C-alpha atoms as a PDB file:
ATOM      1  CA  MET A   1       0.018   0.024   0.000  1.00  0.00           C
ATOM      2  CA  THR A   2       1.239   3.478  -0.854  1.00  0.00           C
ATOM      3  CA  THR A   3       1.264   6.175   1.790  1.00  0.00           C
ATOM      4  CA  SER A   4      -0.159   8.845  -0.485  1.00  0.00           C
ATOM      5  CA  ILE A   5      -2.854   9.443  -3.082  1.00  0.00           C
ATOM      6  CA  THR A   6      -2.454  11.801  -6.063  1.00  0.00           C
ATOM      7  CA  LEU A   7      -5.138  14.474  -6.420  1.00  0.00           C
ATOM      8  CA  HIS A   8      -5.603  15.448 -10.054  1.00  0.00           C
ATOM      9  CA  CYS A   9      -7.624  18.363 -11.466  1.00  0.00           C
ATOM     10  CA  GLU A  10      -9.092  17.386 -14.841  1.00  0.00           C
ATOM     11  CA  LYS A  11      -9.522  21.056 -15.830  1.00  0.00           C
ATOM     12  CA  CYS A  12      -6.098  22.632 -15.143  1.00  0.00           C
ATOM     13  CA  LYS A  13      -4.124  19.337 -14.796  1.00  0.00           C
ATOM     14  CA  ARG A  14      -2.634  20.442 -11.454  1.00  0.00           C
ATOM     15  CA  GLU A  15      -1.623  17.530  -9.201  1.00  0.00           C
ATOM     16  CA  GLN A  16      -1.078  17.384  -5.507  1.00  0.00           C
ATOM     17  CA  VAL A  17      -0.041  14.640  -3.050  1.00  0.00           C
ATOM     18  CA  TYR A  18      -2.605  13.728  -0.369  1.00  0.00           C
ATOM     19  CA  ALA A  19      -1.641  11.702   2.707  1.00  0.00           C
ATOM     20  CA  ARG A  20      -3.596   8.473   2.760  1.00  0.00           C
ATOM     21  CA  GLU A  21      -3.760   8.497   6.571  1.00  0.00           C
ATOM     22  CA  ALA A  22      -5.798  11.714   6.396  1.00  0.00           C
ATOM     23  CA  ASP A  23      -8.761   9.685   5.084  1.00  0.00           C
ATOM     24  CA  PRO A  24      -8.539   6.002   6.088  1.00  0.00           C
ATOM     25  CA  GLY A  25     -11.930   5.313   4.480  1.00  0.00           C
ATOM     26  CA  ILE A  26     -10.466   5.489   0.976  1.00  0.00           C
ATOM     27  CA  PRO A  27      -9.756   1.945  -0.249  1.00  0.00           C
ATOM     28  CA  GLU A  28      -6.129   0.832  -0.618  1.00  0.00           C
ATOM     29  CA  MET A  29      -6.469   0.280  -4.398  1.00  0.00           C
ATOM     30  CA  VAL A  30      -7.156   3.990  -4.995  1.00  0.00           C
ATOM     31  CA  ALA A  31      -4.003   5.654  -6.351  1.00  0.00           C
ATOM     32  CA  THR A  32      -5.520   8.847  -7.842  1.00  0.00           C
ATOM     33  CA  ILE A  33      -8.613  10.956  -7.137  1.00  0.00           C
ATOM     34  CA  ALA A  34      -9.508  12.942 -10.244  1.00  0.00           C
ATOM     35  CA  PHE A  35     -11.633  16.039  -9.665  1.00  0.00           C
ATOM     36  CA  SER A  36     -13.561  17.898 -12.404  1.00  0.00           C
ATOM     37  CA  ARG A  37     -12.344  21.169 -10.812  1.00  0.00           C
ATOM     38  CA  CYS A  38      -9.805  21.867  -8.066  1.00  0.00           C
ATOM     39  CA  ASP A  39     -10.066  24.657  -5.492  1.00  0.00           C
ATOM     40  CA  ARG A  40      -8.375  27.061  -7.976  1.00  0.00           C
ATOM     41  CA  CYS A  41     -10.726  26.164 -10.874  1.00  0.00           C
ATOM     42  CA  ASP A  42     -13.950  26.023  -8.827  1.00  0.00           C
ATOM     43  CA  ASP A  43     -16.613  28.254 -10.359  1.00  0.00           C
ATOM     44  CA  GLY A  44     -19.265  27.566  -7.696  1.00  0.00           C
ATOM     45  CA  ASP A  45     -20.964  24.744  -9.615  1.00  0.00           C
ATOM     46  CA  PHE A  46     -21.050  21.174  -8.385  1.00  0.00           C
ATOM     47  CA  GLY A  47     -17.923  19.205  -9.233  1.00  0.00           C
ATOM     48  CA  THR A  48     -17.376  15.487  -9.588  1.00  0.00           C
ATOM     49  CA  GLU A  49     -14.643  13.155  -8.490  1.00  0.00           C
ATOM     50  CA  ARG A  50     -13.509   9.760  -9.742  1.00  0.00           C
ATOM     51  CA  TRP A  51     -11.356   7.221  -7.919  1.00  0.00           C
ATOM     52  CA  LEU A  52      -8.726   5.512 -10.063  1.00  0.00           C
ATOM     53  CA  ASP A  53      -6.395   2.594  -9.387  1.00  0.00           C
ATOM     54  CA  ALA A  54      -2.700   2.542 -10.318  1.00  0.00           C
ATOM     55  CA  ASN A  55      -3.611   1.458 -13.915  1.00  0.00           C
ATOM     56  CA  GLY A  56      -6.059   4.348 -14.365  1.00  0.00           C
ATOM     57  CA  LYS A  57      -9.144   2.116 -14.090  1.00  0.00           C
ATOM     58  CA  GLU A  58     -12.064   3.639 -12.236  1.00  0.00           C
ATOM     59  CA  VAL A  59     -12.770   2.228  -8.764  1.00  0.00           C
ATOM     60  CA  SER A  60     -16.362   2.136  -7.411  1.00  0.00           C
ATOM     61  CA  GLN A  61     -17.044   4.565  -4.547  1.00  0.00           C
ATOM     62  CA  ALA A  62     -19.810   2.296  -3.212  1.00  0.00           C
END
């Protein structure tokens, strides 16, 4: 298990490292959380997020 998760903004492509221990409820297979808009790109509308494994395959949030 890795000790961090990559946060990725799908709009501006900015990436940031997120400590896995900050949110222990995220499954171990999640390597990246892709957001439709990061805090810098947020325009006040509802954003979405997708959980991805190390191969880029989407992981269910259920």
